Protein backbone atom coordinates (compact mmCIF):
# COMPACT_ATOMS: atom_id res chain seq x y z
CA MET A 1 112.31 81.89 156.22
CA ASP A 2 115.58 81.62 153.53
CA PHE A 3 117.15 85.80 154.38
CA LYS A 4 120.44 84.34 151.78
CA ILE A 5 118.87 86.61 148.99
CA ARG A 6 120.07 90.56 150.01
CA TYR A 7 120.28 93.46 147.66
CA LEU A 8 123.70 93.46 146.24
CA LEU A 9 124.66 96.74 146.02
CA LYS A 10 126.11 97.26 142.99
CA THR A 11 126.54 100.55 139.38
CA ILE A 12 124.53 100.78 137.09
CA LYS A 13 127.02 99.24 134.08
CA GLU A 14 127.40 96.11 137.25
CA ILE A 15 123.94 94.11 136.84
CA LYS A 16 123.99 91.80 135.53
CA ASN A 17 120.57 88.93 134.41
CA THR A 18 121.62 86.25 136.61
CA ASP A 19 121.04 88.98 139.30
CA GLU A 20 117.25 88.92 141.56
CA LYS A 21 117.95 91.82 144.04
CA VAL A 22 119.73 95.36 143.95
CA LEU A 23 120.20 98.28 144.64
CA LEU A 24 121.62 101.23 143.10
CA VAL A 25 122.35 105.20 143.49
CA GLY A 26 121.89 107.70 141.23
CA GLU A 27 119.63 110.71 140.15
CA VAL A 28 116.36 110.11 139.30
CA GLN A 29 115.10 111.71 135.45
CA ASN A 30 111.81 111.27 133.92
CA PRO A 31 109.42 109.99 136.47
CA THR A 32 106.05 109.03 135.41
CA GLU A 33 102.95 107.44 136.68
CA ASN A 34 104.73 104.23 137.06
CA SER A 35 108.44 104.13 135.85
CA PHE A 36 111.16 106.51 135.93
CA PHE A 37 115.17 106.54 134.91
CA LEU A 38 118.28 106.40 137.36
CA SER A 39 121.22 107.58 135.91
CA ASP A 40 125.21 106.85 137.92
CA ASP A 41 127.97 107.56 136.83
CA THR A 42 128.23 105.00 134.02
CA GLY A 43 125.11 104.01 132.61
CA ARG A 44 120.82 104.42 133.02
CA VAL A 45 118.09 102.19 133.27
CA GLU A 46 114.25 102.11 133.51
CA ILE A 47 112.96 101.09 136.99
CA PHE A 48 110.06 100.70 137.42
CA SER A 49 107.33 102.14 140.58
CA GLU A 50 103.90 102.52 141.97
CA GLU A 51 105.22 105.50 143.53
CA ILE A 52 105.95 108.82 142.17
CA ILE A 53 109.76 109.37 142.24
CA GLU A 54 109.66 113.42 141.79
CA SER A 55 112.67 113.98 138.94
CA LYS A 56 116.11 114.94 139.65
CA LYS A 57 116.31 114.16 143.12
CA ILE A 58 120.01 111.40 144.47
CA MET A 59 117.95 108.19 145.19
CA ARG A 60 119.06 104.70 146.41
CA VAL A 61 116.77 101.98 145.16
CA PHE A 62 116.36 98.48 146.09
CA CYS A 63 115.23 97.02 143.05
CA SER A 64 113.95 92.81 142.38
CA ILE A 65 115.08 92.25 138.51
CA THR A 66 111.69 89.81 136.87
CA GLU A 67 112.06 88.69 133.23
CA GLY A 68 114.14 91.40 133.07
CA GLN A 69 113.03 94.31 133.99
CA LEU A 70 113.79 96.45 137.49
CA LYS A 71 110.70 97.16 140.12
CA LEU A 72 110.77 99.70 142.60
CA ASP A 73 110.98 98.33 146.42
CA PHE A 74 111.81 100.55 148.26
CA PHE A 75 114.08 103.69 148.15
CA GLN A 76 115.93 106.13 150.34
CA ASP A 77 116.38 110.21 149.09
CA LEU A 78 119.56 110.70 149.42
CA SER A 79 119.04 113.97 147.96
CA GLY A 80 120.92 115.22 151.25
CA ALA A 81 124.04 113.20 151.62
CA ASP A 82 127.77 113.49 150.78
CA LEU A 83 128.09 111.42 147.17
CA ASN A 84 131.85 110.84 147.51
CA THR A 85 131.45 109.63 150.30
CA SER A 86 128.64 107.09 150.27
CA LYS A 87 130.93 106.29 147.03
CA LYS A 88 133.75 105.43 149.00
CA VAL A 89 132.65 103.37 151.45
CA GLY A 90 131.26 101.29 148.55
CA GLU A 91 133.47 101.09 147.32
CA LEU A 92 135.23 99.26 150.98
CA TYR A 93 132.24 97.27 150.78
CA LYS A 94 133.41 95.23 147.86
CA ARG A 95 136.91 95.09 147.98
CA VAL A 96 135.87 92.73 151.51
CA GLY A 97 133.07 91.01 150.21
CA VAL A 98 129.96 92.63 152.04
């Protein structure tokens, strides 16, 4: 079993074609039956999903990237969380390489 592939915390602007799994935090916009848009301070991206996610919710989404499309693997509702603290923790993780 290979546990090397993990979800990398990124902003939407930082997503690269070579990424396989990403972790994003943002606001859900324009949900439909099979996708929704996630928006953060750096941009907006469409995420394909079998789940119907409520609009305007703040979410942490774990996505796989296949053929340039983001597919939702699972999510965490962060609507009650302090996003400034979350952003600072994310920056610290990146600084130390975690």
